[in-house]
């Protein structure tokens, strides 16, 4: 058992709340409290905050007290959105949601 569930790069794209619930169920099945999500597993709409996809997915993890670490290069999306830059900056100040380029823990 591990307290971290690392999603593989290849796998279904997380598009909304139900996909998040499916991953949460998978995490619970291995007693994980943290889920590591490669950026490739997040729907393109996740990166446009006005779509509310990020809020729906991350909110579901928060509701179940599950930590999320999004891993990978998001610089392209950050360059095009001040609101996304602010969101990531605020998320990284907390403990429940993190955006990192690599994850070793």
N, C-alpha and C. Protein backbone atom coordinates (compact mmCIF):
# COMPACT_ATOMS: atom_id res chain seq x y z
N UNK A 1 0.83 -1.19 0.00
CA UNK A 1 0.00 0.00 0.00
C UNK A 1 0.87 1.24 0.00
N UNK A 2 0.40 2.25 -0.68
CA UNK A 2 1.10 3.52 -0.73
C UNK A 2 0.10 4.63 -0.48
N UNK A 3 0.57 5.72 0.08
CA UNK A 3 -0.36 6.83 0.27
C UNK A 3 -0.44 7.71 -0.97
N UNK A 4 0.24 7.31 -2.06
CA UNK A 4 0.24 8.07 -3.31
C UNK A 4 -0.19 7.17 -4.46
N UNK A 5 -1.16 7.63 -5.23
CA UNK A 5 -1.56 6.96 -6.46
C UNK A 5 -1.03 7.79 -7.62
N UNK A 6 -0.15 7.20 -8.42
CA UNK A 6 0.40 7.88 -9.59
C UNK A 6 -0.34 7.39 -10.83
N UNK A 7 -1.09 8.28 -11.45
CA UNK A 7 -1.77 7.90 -12.68
C UNK A 7 -0.74 7.82 -13.80
N UNK A 8 -0.84 6.81 -14.64
CA UNK A 8 0.08 6.73 -15.78
C UNK A 8 -0.25 7.81 -16.80
N UNK A 9 0.74 8.17 -17.59
CA UNK A 9 0.53 9.18 -18.64
C UNK A 9 -0.53 8.71 -19.62
N UNK A 10 -0.46 7.46 -20.00
CA UNK A 10 -1.44 6.89 -20.92
C UNK A 10 -2.63 6.40 -20.13
N UNK A 11 -3.77 6.94 -20.44
CA UNK A 11 -4.99 6.55 -19.74
C UNK A 11 -6.09 7.52 -20.10
N UNK A 12 -7.28 7.28 -19.57
CA UNK A 12 -8.41 8.15 -19.91
C UNK A 12 -8.18 9.59 -19.44
N UNK A 13 -8.62 10.51 -20.26
CA UNK A 13 -8.52 11.94 -19.95
C UNK A 13 -9.59 12.30 -18.92
N UNK A 14 -9.19 13.09 -17.93
CA UNK A 14 -10.15 13.57 -16.93
C UNK A 14 -10.88 14.77 -17.52
N UNK A 15 -12.19 14.61 -17.72
CA UNK A 15 -12.99 15.65 -18.37
C UNK A 15 -13.99 16.32 -17.44
N UNK A 16 -14.24 15.72 -16.29
CA UNK A 16 -15.25 16.29 -15.40
C UNK A 16 -15.33 15.55 -14.08
N UNK A 17 -16.40 15.87 -13.33
CA UNK A 17 -16.57 15.33 -11.99
C UNK A 17 -16.59 13.81 -11.94
N UNK A 18 -17.28 13.16 -12.86
CA UNK A 18 -17.37 11.70 -12.81
C UNK A 18 -16.01 11.05 -13.00
N UNK A 19 -15.19 11.62 -13.86
CA UNK A 19 -13.84 11.09 -14.03
C UNK A 19 -13.04 11.24 -12.74
N UNK A 20 -13.22 12.38 -12.06
CA UNK A 20 -12.55 12.59 -10.78
C UNK A 20 -13.01 11.57 -9.75
N UNK A 21 -14.32 11.31 -9.70
CA UNK A 21 -14.86 10.33 -8.76
C UNK A 21 -14.27 8.94 -9.04
N UNK A 22 -14.13 8.60 -10.31
CA UNK A 22 -13.54 7.31 -10.66
C UNK A 22 -12.10 7.20 -10.14
N UNK A 23 -11.34 8.26 -10.28
CA UNK A 23 -9.95 8.26 -9.80
C UNK A 23 -9.92 8.22 -8.27
N UNK A 24 -10.82 8.94 -7.64
CA UNK A 24 -10.89 8.92 -6.17
C UNK A 24 -11.18 7.51 -5.68
N UNK A 25 -12.09 6.82 -6.35
CA UNK A 25 -12.38 5.43 -6.00
C UNK A 25 -11.16 4.54 -6.14
N UNK A 26 -10.42 4.76 -7.22
CA UNK A 26 -9.19 4.00 -7.43
C UNK A 26 -8.18 4.29 -6.32
N UNK A 27 -8.07 5.57 -5.94
CA UNK A 27 -7.14 5.96 -4.87
C UNK A 27 -7.54 5.31 -3.55
N UNK A 28 -8.82 5.34 -3.24
CA UNK A 28 -9.29 4.71 -2.00
C UNK A 28 -8.99 3.22 -1.99
N UNK A 29 -9.09 2.59 -3.14
CA UNK A 29 -8.88 1.14 -3.20
C UNK A 29 -7.45 0.74 -2.84
N UNK A 30 -6.53 1.69 -2.94
CA UNK A 30 -5.13 1.42 -2.57
C UNK A 30 -4.70 2.26 -1.36
N UNK A 31 -5.69 2.84 -0.66
CA UNK A 31 -5.46 3.66 0.54
C UNK A 31 -4.59 4.87 0.29
N UNK A 32 -4.68 5.44 -0.90
CA UNK A 32 -3.90 6.64 -1.24
C UNK A 32 -4.64 7.89 -0.78
N UNK A 33 -3.89 8.87 -0.33
CA UNK A 33 -4.45 10.17 0.05
C UNK A 33 -4.01 11.27 -0.90
N UNK A 34 -3.09 10.94 -1.79
CA UNK A 34 -2.58 11.87 -2.80
C UNK A 34 -2.66 11.21 -4.16
N UNK A 35 -3.12 11.97 -5.14
CA UNK A 35 -3.17 11.48 -6.52
C UNK A 35 -2.26 12.35 -7.37
N UNK A 36 -1.34 11.73 -8.09
CA UNK A 36 -0.44 12.43 -8.99
C UNK A 36 -1.01 12.28 -10.40
N UNK A 37 -1.33 13.42 -11.01
CA UNK A 37 -1.98 13.44 -12.32
C UNK A 37 -1.06 14.08 -13.36
N UNK A 38 -0.62 13.34 -14.35
CA UNK A 38 0.17 13.95 -15.43
C UNK A 38 -0.69 14.94 -16.22
N UNK A 39 -0.10 16.03 -16.66
CA UNK A 39 -0.87 17.04 -17.40
C UNK A 39 -1.55 16.43 -18.62
N UNK A 40 -0.96 15.40 -19.19
CA UNK A 40 -1.54 14.77 -20.38
C UNK A 40 -2.90 14.13 -20.09
N UNK A 41 -3.20 13.88 -18.83
CA UNK A 41 -4.47 13.24 -18.46
C UNK A 41 -5.59 14.25 -18.24
N UNK A 42 -5.28 15.55 -18.32
CA UNK A 42 -6.29 16.58 -18.11
C UNK A 42 -6.80 17.10 -19.44
N UNK A 43 -8.12 17.19 -19.54
CA UNK A 43 -8.75 17.70 -20.75
C UNK A 43 -8.26 19.12 -21.06
N UNK A 44 -8.15 19.44 -22.31
CA UNK A 44 -7.71 20.78 -22.73
C UNK A 44 -8.56 21.88 -22.07
N UNK A 45 -9.85 21.62 -21.88
CA UNK A 45 -10.74 22.61 -21.26
C UNK A 45 -10.36 22.91 -19.81
N UNK A 46 -9.64 22.02 -19.17
CA UNK A 46 -9.20 22.23 -17.79
C UNK A 46 -8.42 23.54 -17.67
N UNK A 47 -7.64 23.85 -18.69
CA UNK A 47 -6.72 24.98 -18.65
C UNK A 47 -7.38 26.31 -18.97
N UNK A 48 -8.64 26.30 -19.35
CA UNK A 48 -9.42 27.52 -19.57
C UNK A 48 -10.39 27.62 -18.40
N UNK A 49 -10.05 28.45 -17.42
CA UNK A 49 -10.81 28.47 -16.18
C UNK A 49 -12.28 28.80 -16.38
N UNK A 50 -12.60 29.57 -17.40
CA UNK A 50 -14.01 29.94 -17.64
C UNK A 50 -14.88 28.73 -17.97
N UNK A 51 -14.29 27.61 -18.36
CA UNK A 51 -15.08 26.41 -18.64
C UNK A 51 -15.54 25.72 -17.35
N UNK A 52 -14.90 26.05 -16.24
CA UNK A 52 -15.20 25.48 -14.93
C UNK A 52 -14.82 24.00 -14.80
N UNK A 53 -14.12 23.47 -15.78
CA UNK A 53 -13.70 22.07 -15.72
C UNK A 53 -12.70 21.87 -14.59
N UNK A 54 -11.73 22.77 -14.47
CA UNK A 54 -10.74 22.65 -13.39
C UNK A 54 -11.43 22.68 -12.03
N UNK A 55 -12.35 23.61 -11.86
CA UNK A 55 -13.08 23.71 -10.59
C UNK A 55 -13.88 22.46 -10.27
N UNK A 56 -14.52 21.89 -11.29
CA UNK A 56 -15.32 20.68 -11.08
C UNK A 56 -14.44 19.51 -10.67
N UNK A 57 -13.34 19.34 -11.36
CA UNK A 57 -12.44 18.21 -11.07
C UNK A 57 -11.75 18.40 -9.72
N UNK A 58 -11.13 19.55 -9.53
CA UNK A 58 -10.38 19.77 -8.30
C UNK A 58 -11.30 19.88 -7.10
N UNK A 59 -12.49 20.44 -7.30
CA UNK A 59 -13.46 20.53 -6.22
C UNK A 59 -13.89 19.16 -5.72
N UNK A 60 -14.02 18.22 -6.62
CA UNK A 60 -14.41 16.86 -6.23
C UNK A 60 -13.31 16.23 -5.37
N UNK A 61 -12.05 16.41 -5.77
CA UNK A 61 -10.95 15.89 -4.96
C UNK A 61 -10.94 16.55 -3.58
N UNK A 62 -11.17 17.86 -3.54
CA UNK A 62 -11.19 18.57 -2.26
C UNK A 62 -12.33 18.08 -1.37
N UNK A 63 -13.49 17.82 -1.97
CA UNK A 63 -14.64 17.35 -1.20
C UNK A 63 -14.35 16.01 -0.52
N UNK A 64 -13.52 15.21 -1.14
CA UNK A 64 -13.15 13.91 -0.57
C UNK A 64 -11.81 13.97 0.17
N UNK A 65 -11.32 15.17 0.41
CA UNK A 65 -10.06 15.39 1.14
C UNK A 65 -8.89 14.62 0.55
N UNK A 66 -8.82 14.69 -0.76
CA UNK A 66 -7.78 13.99 -1.51
C UNK A 66 -6.85 15.05 -2.10
N UNK A 67 -5.57 14.93 -1.82
CA UNK A 67 -4.58 15.86 -2.36
C UNK A 67 -4.32 15.52 -3.83
N UNK A 68 -4.13 16.57 -4.64
CA UNK A 68 -3.86 16.39 -6.07
C UNK A 68 -2.55 17.09 -6.42
N UNK A 69 -1.68 16.37 -7.12
CA UNK A 69 -0.45 16.95 -7.63
C UNK A 69 -0.49 16.79 -9.15
N UNK A 70 -0.56 17.92 -9.84
CA UNK A 70 -0.55 17.92 -11.31
C UNK A 70 0.90 18.06 -11.74
N UNK A 71 1.37 17.09 -12.53
CA UNK A 71 2.79 17.03 -12.88
C UNK A 71 2.98 17.23 -14.37
N UNK A 72 3.90 18.15 -14.71
CA UNK A 72 4.25 18.36 -16.10
C UNK A 72 4.43 19.83 -16.42
N UNK A 73 4.79 20.08 -17.64
CA UNK A 73 5.05 21.44 -18.12
C UNK A 73 3.74 22.11 -18.51
N UNK A 74 3.37 23.14 -17.75
CA UNK A 74 2.14 23.88 -18.06
C UNK A 74 2.45 25.30 -18.54
N UNK A 75 3.70 25.55 -18.87
CA UNK A 75 4.11 26.91 -19.23
C UNK A 75 3.35 27.46 -20.43
N UNK A 76 3.02 26.62 -21.39
CA UNK A 76 2.27 27.09 -22.55
C UNK A 76 0.90 27.62 -22.17
N UNK A 77 0.21 26.92 -21.29
CA UNK A 77 -1.10 27.39 -20.84
C UNK A 77 -0.96 28.62 -19.96
N UNK A 78 0.07 28.65 -19.11
CA UNK A 78 0.27 29.80 -18.23
C UNK A 78 0.56 31.07 -19.01
N UNK A 79 1.31 30.94 -20.09
CA UNK A 79 1.68 32.11 -20.89
C UNK A 79 0.46 32.81 -21.47
N UNK A 80 -0.59 32.07 -21.70
CA UNK A 80 -1.77 32.65 -22.33
C UNK A 80 -2.86 33.10 -21.40
N UNK A 81 -2.64 33.01 -20.07
CA UNK A 81 -3.74 33.32 -19.16
C UNK A 81 -3.25 33.84 -17.82
N UNK A 82 -3.52 35.11 -17.57
CA UNK A 82 -3.18 35.69 -16.27
C UNK A 82 -3.99 35.03 -15.16
N UNK A 83 -5.26 34.74 -15.43
CA UNK A 83 -6.10 34.12 -14.39
C UNK A 83 -5.59 32.72 -14.05
N UNK A 84 -5.13 31.98 -15.03
CA UNK A 84 -4.57 30.65 -14.76
C UNK A 84 -3.28 30.77 -13.96
N UNK A 85 -2.44 31.74 -14.30
CA UNK A 85 -1.20 31.96 -13.53
C UNK A 85 -1.54 32.25 -12.07
N UNK A 86 -2.54 33.10 -11.84
CA UNK A 86 -2.94 33.43 -10.47
C UNK A 86 -3.50 32.20 -9.75
N UNK A 87 -4.29 31.42 -10.46
CA UNK A 87 -4.87 30.20 -9.88
C UNK A 87 -3.77 29.22 -9.45
N UNK A 88 -2.82 28.98 -10.33
CA UNK A 88 -1.73 28.05 -10.03
C UNK A 88 -0.88 28.58 -8.87
N UNK A 89 -0.60 29.87 -8.89
CA UNK A 89 0.18 30.48 -7.81
C UNK A 89 -0.52 30.26 -6.46
N UNK A 90 -1.82 30.54 -6.41
CA UNK A 90 -2.58 30.36 -5.17
C UNK A 90 -2.65 28.89 -4.76
N UNK A 91 -2.88 28.01 -5.72
CA UNK A 91 -2.95 26.58 -5.42
C UNK A 91 -1.63 26.10 -4.81
N UNK A 92 -0.53 26.56 -5.35
CA UNK A 92 0.78 26.12 -4.87
C UNK A 92 1.12 26.67 -3.49
N UNK A 93 0.38 27.65 -3.03
CA UNK A 93 0.59 28.16 -1.67
C UNK A 93 -0.05 27.25 -0.63
N UNK A 94 -1.03 26.49 -1.07
CA UNK A 94 -1.73 25.60 -0.15
C UNK A 94 -1.13 24.21 -0.14
N UNK A 95 -1.90 23.26 0.41
CA UNK A 95 -1.40 21.89 0.53
C UNK A 95 -2.23 20.89 -0.25
N UNK A 96 -3.42 21.27 -0.67
CA UNK A 96 -4.33 20.31 -1.29
C UNK A 96 -4.12 20.14 -2.79
N UNK A 97 -3.69 21.20 -3.46
CA UNK A 97 -3.50 21.16 -4.92
C UNK A 97 -2.12 21.73 -5.21
N UNK A 98 -1.35 21.01 -6.00
CA UNK A 98 -0.02 21.50 -6.39
C UNK A 98 0.18 21.27 -7.88
N UNK A 99 0.88 22.20 -8.49
CA UNK A 99 1.29 22.09 -9.89
C UNK A 99 2.80 22.10 -9.89
N UNK A 100 3.41 21.01 -10.35
CA UNK A 100 4.87 20.87 -10.34
C UNK A 100 5.34 20.31 -11.67
N UNK A 101 6.60 20.57 -12.00
CA UNK A 101 7.14 20.02 -13.25
C UNK A 101 7.52 18.56 -13.13
N UNK A 102 7.93 18.14 -11.93
CA UNK A 102 8.26 16.73 -11.70
C UNK A 102 7.87 16.38 -10.27
N UNK A 103 7.71 15.08 -10.03
CA UNK A 103 7.28 14.62 -8.71
C UNK A 103 8.08 13.38 -8.35
N UNK A 104 8.78 13.47 -7.23
CA UNK A 104 9.59 12.34 -6.79
C UNK A 104 9.05 11.69 -5.53
N UNK A 105 8.08 12.36 -4.87
CA UNK A 105 7.59 11.86 -3.59
C UNK A 105 6.53 10.93 -3.74
